[in-house]
Every structure is written in structure tokens, then in C-alpha cells.
Amino acid sequence: MGEMAEAEEAVAAVGDAQLALLANHGVLVLADNIRQAHLRAVTLEWEAMVRKELRLDPALRASIG
């Protein structure tokens, strides 16, 4: 499969999503401009950090219900 075919397959798989988690590769962030892409990437990182803290700290998890 050529690079163009792989790119077309990736675009079709992502569809209207703003983010894609690529197994063994990382995250693909889609946006109209670099500022929006950066904000989405930073937001994803922040959300992952918060969820990790909640998972690791039972007292914190209990305090938010």
C-alpha cells in the first residue's frame, strides 16, 4: 500500500473526530489551525493527568462523589 493510500485510509477512519489515538504511535490532533491544535493537545494531556490522579488517589476520588 502506498503512502497516499495509507493517508486516505487514515482520513476516512478519523472521520469528523478532533483527536485520534494511534496504537503504538501517540495522538493525532486535527484542527483548522495550529493554535486550535495546540489547545486540543494541551487539553487532552490535562484531562489524562486529572484522570490518572483520580484513579491513583482513592481519597480524591471519594471527595468528588
C-alpha atoms as a PDB file:
ATOM      1  CA  MET A   1       0.000   0.000   0.000  1.00  0.00           C
ATOM      2  CA  GLY A   2       1.430   3.407  -0.963  1.00  0.00           C
ATOM      3  CA  GLU A   3       1.687   6.463   1.262  1.00  0.00           C
ATOM      4  CA  MET A   4      -1.248   8.191  -0.453  1.00  0.00           C
ATOM      5  CA  ALA A   5      -3.489   5.167   0.048  1.00  0.00           C
ATOM      6  CA  GLU A   6      -2.487   4.994   3.717  1.00  0.00           C
ATOM      7  CA  ALA A   7      -3.210   8.696   4.161  1.00  0.00           C
ATOM      8  CA  GLU A   8      -6.634   8.349   2.545  1.00  0.00           C
ATOM      9  CA  GLU A   9      -7.410   5.367   4.777  1.00  0.00           C
ATOM     10  CA  ALA A  10      -6.397   7.354   7.874  1.00  0.00           C
ATOM     11  CA  VAL A  11      -8.581  10.320   6.873  1.00  0.00           C
ATOM     12  CA  ALA A  12     -11.555   8.025   6.317  1.00  0.00           C
ATOM     13  CA  ALA A  13     -11.012   6.298   9.676  1.00  0.00           C
ATOM     14  CA  VAL A  14     -10.797   9.570  11.610  1.00  0.00           C
ATOM     15  CA  GLY A  15     -13.959  10.994  10.046  1.00  0.00           C
ATOM     16  CA  ASP A  16     -15.197  14.062  11.940  1.00  0.00           C
ATOM     17  CA  ALA A  17     -13.178  13.368  15.096  1.00  0.00           C
ATOM     18  CA  GLN A  18     -10.897  16.030  16.558  1.00  0.00           C
ATOM     19  CA  LEU A  19      -8.451  13.537  18.061  1.00  0.00           C
ATOM     20  CA  ALA A  20      -7.285  10.045  17.243  1.00  0.00           C
ATOM     21  CA  LEU A  21      -5.282   7.720  19.480  1.00  0.00           C
ATOM     22  CA  LEU A  22      -2.868   5.770  17.309  1.00  0.00           C
ATOM     23  CA  ALA A  23      -1.782   2.441  18.757  1.00  0.00           C
ATOM     24  CA  ASN A  24       1.986   2.449  19.368  1.00  0.00           C
ATOM     25  CA  HIS A  25       2.304   5.933  17.834  1.00  0.00           C
ATOM     26  CA  GLY A  26       0.591   8.530  20.019  1.00  0.00           C
ATOM     27  CA  VAL A  27      -2.086  11.091  19.323  1.00  0.00           C
ATOM     28  CA  LEU A  28      -3.192  12.715  16.091  1.00  0.00           C
ATOM     29  CA  VAL A  29      -4.767  16.129  16.708  1.00  0.00           C
ATOM     30  CA  LEU A  30      -6.903  17.628  13.951  1.00  0.00           C
ATOM     31  CA  ALA A  31      -7.808  21.314  13.769  1.00  0.00           C
ATOM     32  CA  ASP A  32      -8.292  24.244  11.444  1.00  0.00           C
ATOM     33  CA  ASN A  33      -5.124  25.968  12.656  1.00  0.00           C
ATOM     34  CA  ILE A  34      -2.073  25.405  14.851  1.00  0.00           C
ATOM     35  CA  ARG A  35      -3.478  27.361  17.796  1.00  0.00           C
ATOM     36  CA  GLN A  36      -6.594  25.181  17.919  1.00  0.00           C
ATOM     37  CA  ALA A  37      -4.499  22.010  17.537  1.00  0.00           C
ATOM     38  CA  HIS A  38      -2.247  23.098  20.408  1.00  0.00           C
ATOM     39  CA  LEU A  39      -5.220  23.840  22.663  1.00  0.00           C
ATOM     40  CA  ARG A  40      -6.711  20.418  21.926  1.00  0.00           C
ATOM     41  CA  ALA A  41      -3.407  18.667  22.603  1.00  0.00           C
ATOM     42  CA  VAL A  42      -2.862  20.528  25.890  1.00  0.00           C
ATOM     43  CA  THR A  43      -6.454  19.850  26.956  1.00  0.00           C
ATOM     44  CA  LEU A  44      -6.078  16.138  26.213  1.00  0.00           C
ATOM     45  CA  GLU A  45      -2.864  16.000  28.256  1.00  0.00           C
ATOM     46  CA  TRP A  46      -4.517  17.829  31.176  1.00  0.00           C
ATOM     47  CA  GLU A  47      -7.559  15.542  31.137  1.00  0.00           C
ATOM     48  CA  ALA A  48      -5.320  12.456  31.084  1.00  0.00           C
ATOM     49  CA  MET A  49      -3.343  13.770  34.060  1.00  0.00           C
ATOM     50  CA  VAL A  50      -6.502  14.510  36.068  1.00  0.00           C
ATOM     51  CA  ARG A  51      -7.967  11.080  35.315  1.00  0.00           C
ATOM     52  CA  LYS A  52      -4.703   9.406  36.333  1.00  0.00           C
ATOM     53  CA  GLU A  53      -4.669  11.291  39.652  1.00  0.00           C
ATOM     54  CA  LEU A  54      -8.280  10.325  40.317  1.00  0.00           C
ATOM     55  CA  ARG A  55      -7.533   6.705  39.578  1.00  0.00           C
ATOM     56  CA  LEU A  56      -4.479   6.621  41.856  1.00  0.00           C
ATOM     57  CA  ASP A  57      -5.906   8.580  44.804  1.00  0.00           C
ATOM     58  CA  PRO A  58      -8.984   6.929  46.361  1.00  0.00           C
ATOM     59  CA  ALA A  59      -9.488   9.836  48.805  1.00  0.00           C
ATOM     60  CA  LEU A  60      -9.565  12.352  45.964  1.00  0.00           C
ATOM     61  CA  ARG A  61     -11.941  10.144  44.004  1.00  0.00           C
ATOM     62  CA  ALA A  62     -14.257   9.843  47.033  1.00  0.00           C
ATOM     63  CA  SER A  63     -14.235  13.602  47.613  1.00  0.00           C
ATOM     64  CA  ILE A  64     -15.828  14.347  44.252  1.00  0.00           C
ATOM     65  CA  GLY A  65     -18.535  11.763  44.579  1.00  0.00           C
END
